Amino acid sequence: MSKYSNEFKLMIIKEYLSGTIGQAALTKKYKIATFALLARWHDEYLVTGSIGATGHRIYSPEFEMVVLNYLETHSHSETARHFAVFPSTTIGNWLSAYRKFGHQVGTAMG
């Protein structure tokens, strides 16, 4: 369960997009845990037009490997935006699972 509701996240992002206040000031104003968290909400909104998944998506192992291969040369947030995978922590979960079970990221798909 998220500490912040989707409605709260959307309110913050809309306030930021209004141009009256910056991300750092919003983080402080609303006591958001980290600046990076606000940046993730912003990325999700810009890519999907909303905040918060409406349902659990299932991704194929092949898609996960494509995403993880892309992650080798791009930042976590760039990868999440590029593939529209939100929450972006999903990618970190995939990476942990592939490492734990011995898969070599970067070799499965070219």
C-alpha atoms as a PDB file:
ATOM      1  CA  MET A   1       0.000   0.000   0.000  1.00  0.00           C
ATOM      2  CA  SER A   2       1.372   3.359  -1.001  1.00  0.00           C
ATOM      3  CA  LYS A   3       1.864   6.054   1.598  1.00  0.00           C
ATOM      4  CA  TYR A   4       0.375   8.565  -0.851  1.00  0.00           C
ATOM      5  CA  SER A   5      -2.994   8.190  -2.570  1.00  0.00           C
ATOM      6  CA  ASN A   6      -3.243   8.462  -6.328  1.00  0.00           C
ATOM      7  CA  GLU A   7      -5.469  11.518  -5.847  1.00  0.00           C
ATOM      8  CA  PHE A   8      -2.762  13.209  -3.766  1.00  0.00           C
ATOM      9  CA  LYS A   9      -0.081  12.375  -6.351  1.00  0.00           C
ATOM     10  CA  LEU A  10      -2.236  13.763  -9.164  1.00  0.00           C
ATOM     11  CA  MET A  11      -2.915  16.962  -7.208  1.00  0.00           C
ATOM     12  CA  ILE A  12       0.830  17.472  -6.687  1.00  0.00           C
ATOM     13  CA  ILE A  13       1.684  16.844 -10.334  1.00  0.00           C
ATOM     14  CA  LYS A  14      -1.032  19.199 -11.558  1.00  0.00           C
ATOM     15  CA  GLU A  15       0.256  21.882  -9.183  1.00  0.00           C
ATOM     16  CA  TYR A  16       3.770  21.369 -10.542  1.00  0.00           C
ATOM     17  CA  LEU A  17       2.583  21.491 -14.157  1.00  0.00           C
ATOM     18  CA  SER A  18       0.773  24.763 -13.480  1.00  0.00           C
ATOM     19  CA  GLY A  19       4.223  26.330 -13.349  1.00  0.00           C
ATOM     20  CA  THR A  20       3.682  28.158 -10.062  1.00  0.00           C
ATOM     21  CA  ILE A  21       6.020  25.990  -7.987  1.00  0.00           C
ATOM     22  CA  GLY A  22       9.036  23.763  -8.639  1.00  0.00           C
ATOM     23  CA  GLN A  23       9.563  20.123  -7.730  1.00  0.00           C
ATOM     24  CA  ALA A  24      11.935  20.901  -4.852  1.00  0.00           C
ATOM     25  CA  ALA A  25       9.470  23.368  -3.318  1.00  0.00           C
ATOM     26  CA  LEU A  26       6.586  20.892  -3.725  1.00  0.00           C
ATOM     27  CA  THR A  27       8.614  18.158  -2.057  1.00  0.00           C
ATOM     28  CA  LYS A  28       9.163  20.420   0.927  1.00  0.00           C
ATOM     29  CA  LYS A  29       5.639  21.895   0.984  1.00  0.00           C
ATOM     30  CA  TYR A  30       3.899  18.516   1.093  1.00  0.00           C
ATOM     31  CA  LYS A  31       6.610  16.654   3.043  1.00  0.00           C
ATOM     32  CA  ILE A  32       7.147  14.122   0.271  1.00  0.00           C
ATOM     33  CA  ALA A  33       9.792  11.588   1.294  1.00  0.00           C
ATOM     34  CA  THR A  34      12.196  12.219  -1.584  1.00  0.00           C
ATOM     35  CA  PHE A  35      12.587  14.423  -4.611  1.00  0.00           C
ATOM     36  CA  ALA A  36      13.043  11.260  -6.722  1.00  0.00           C
ATOM     37  CA  LEU A  37       9.591  10.054  -5.699  1.00  0.00           C
ATOM     38  CA  LEU A  38       7.995  13.223  -7.043  1.00  0.00           C
ATOM     39  CA  ALA A  39      10.033  12.870 -10.236  1.00  0.00           C
ATOM     40  CA  ARG A  40       8.696   9.307 -10.715  1.00  0.00           C
ATOM     41  CA  TRP A  41       5.110  10.525 -10.345  1.00  0.00           C
ATOM     42  CA  HIS A  42       5.837  13.245 -12.901  1.00  0.00           C
ATOM     43  CA  ASP A  43       7.325  10.732 -15.359  1.00  0.00           C
ATOM     44  CA  GLU A  44       4.357   8.394 -14.961  1.00  0.00           C
ATOM     45  CA  TYR A  45       1.886  11.216 -15.563  1.00  0.00           C
ATOM     46  CA  LEU A  46       3.729  12.471 -18.647  1.00  0.00           C
ATOM     47  CA  VAL A  47       3.925   9.013 -20.213  1.00  0.00           C
ATOM     48  CA  THR A  48       0.538   7.567 -19.273  1.00  0.00           C
ATOM     49  CA  GLY A  49      -1.604  10.631 -18.610  1.00  0.00           C
ATOM     50  CA  SER A  50      -2.552   9.313 -15.183  1.00  0.00           C
ATOM     51  CA  ILE A  51      -1.170   8.269 -11.821  1.00  0.00           C
ATOM     52  CA  GLY A  52      -1.477   4.780 -10.424  1.00  0.00           C
ATOM     53  CA  ALA A  53      -2.123   1.592 -12.283  1.00  0.00           C
ATOM     54  CA  THR A  54      -5.754   0.604 -12.648  1.00  0.00           C
ATOM     55  CA  GLY A  55      -4.885  -3.070 -12.812  1.00  0.00           C
ATOM     56  CA  HIS A  56      -1.987  -5.452 -12.524  1.00  0.00           C
ATOM     57  CA  ARG A  57      -0.220  -5.874 -15.848  1.00  0.00           C
ATOM     58  CA  ILE A  58       1.502  -9.093 -16.814  1.00  0.00           C
ATOM     59  CA  TYR A  59       4.661  -8.799 -18.904  1.00  0.00           C
ATOM     60  CA  SER A  60       6.287 -11.591 -20.865  1.00  0.00           C
ATOM     61  CA  PRO A  61       9.767 -12.754 -19.861  1.00  0.00           C
ATOM     62  CA  GLU A  62      10.960 -11.650 -23.312  1.00  0.00           C
ATOM     63  CA  PHE A  63       9.671  -8.116 -22.745  1.00  0.00           C
ATOM     64  CA  GLU A  64      11.293  -8.026 -19.308  1.00  0.00           C
ATOM     65  CA  MET A  65      14.653  -8.968 -20.858  1.00  0.00           C
ATOM     66  CA  VAL A  66      14.318  -6.265 -23.513  1.00  0.00           C
ATOM     67  CA  VAL A  67      13.653  -3.739 -20.752  1.00  0.00           C
ATOM     68  CA  LEU A  68      16.578  -4.988 -18.656  1.00  0.00           C
ATOM     69  CA  ASN A  69      18.908  -4.882 -21.646  1.00  0.00           C
ATOM     70  CA  TYR A  70      17.879  -1.267 -22.262  1.00  0.00           C
ATOM     71  CA  LEU A  71      18.543  -0.551 -18.589  1.00  0.00           C
ATOM     72  CA  GLU A  72      22.208  -1.461 -19.099  1.00  0.00           C
ATOM     73  CA  THR A  73      22.801   1.770 -21.024  1.00  0.00           C
ATOM     74  CA  HIS A  74      20.047   4.019 -19.659  1.00  0.00           C
ATOM     75  CA  SER A  75      18.936   5.240 -16.253  1.00  0.00           C
ATOM     76  CA  HIS A  76      16.153   3.562 -14.333  1.00  0.00           C
ATOM     77  CA  SER A  77      13.767   6.483 -14.905  1.00  0.00           C
ATOM     78  CA  GLU A  78      14.620   6.702 -18.625  1.00  0.00           C
ATOM     79  CA  THR A  79      13.905   2.999 -18.982  1.00  0.00           C
ATOM     80  CA  ALA A  80      10.575   3.259 -17.153  1.00  0.00           C
ATOM     81  CA  ARG A  81       9.509   6.181 -19.356  1.00  0.00           C
ATOM     82  CA  HIS A  82      10.709   4.547 -22.573  1.00  0.00           C
ATOM     83  CA  PHE A  83       8.746   1.340 -21.990  1.00  0.00           C
ATOM     84  CA  ALA A  84       5.905   2.938 -19.956  1.00  0.00           C
ATOM     85  CA  VAL A  85       6.449   0.527 -17.078  1.00  0.00           C
ATOM     86  CA  PHE A  86       4.962   2.015 -13.934  1.00  0.00           C
ATOM     87  CA  PRO A  87       5.466   1.901 -11.095  1.00  0.00           C
ATOM     88  CA  SER A  88       9.128   2.072 -12.049  1.00  0.00           C
ATOM     89  CA  THR A  89       9.982  -0.165  -9.098  1.00  0.00           C
ATOM     90  CA  THR A  90       8.660  -3.009 -11.255  1.00  0.00           C
ATOM     91  CA  ILE A  91      11.868  -2.870 -13.302  1.00  0.00           C
ATOM     92  CA  GLY A  92      13.987  -3.112 -10.155  1.00  0.00           C
ATOM     93  CA  ASN A  93      11.964  -6.142  -9.078  1.00  0.00           C
ATOM     94  CA  TRP A  94      12.632  -7.806 -12.445  1.00  0.00           C
ATOM     95  CA  LEU A  95      16.331  -7.085 -12.167  1.00  0.00           C
ATOM     96  CA  SER A  96      16.482  -8.548  -8.661  1.00  0.00           C
ATOM     97  CA  ALA A  97      14.610 -11.666  -9.748  1.00  0.00           C
ATOM     98  CA  TYR A  98      16.825 -12.240 -12.778  1.00  0.00           C
ATOM     99  CA  ARG A  99      19.964 -11.809 -10.687  1.00  0.00           C
ATOM    100  CA  LYS A 100      18.655 -14.050  -7.910  1.00  0.00           C
ATOM    101  CA  PHE A 101      17.778 -16.883 -10.248  1.00  0.00           C
ATOM    102  CA  GLY A 102      21.034 -16.726 -12.172  1.00  0.00           C
ATOM    103  CA  HIS A 103      19.929 -15.182 -15.444  1.00  0.00           C
ATOM    104  CA  GLN A 104      22.545 -13.059 -17.151  1.00  0.00           C
ATOM    105  CA  VAL A 105      21.048  -9.715 -18.073  1.00  0.00           C
ATOM    106  CA  GLY A 106      22.272  -8.508 -21.449  1.00  0.00           C
ATOM    107  CA  THR A 107      22.830 -11.911 -23.018  1.00  0.00           C
ATOM    108  CA  ALA A 108      19.343 -13.263 -23.622  1.00  0.00           C
ATOM    109  CA  MET A 109      18.285 -10.783 -26.292  1.00  0.00           C
ATOM    110  CA  GLY A 110      20.413  -8.727 -28.671  1.00  0.00           C
END
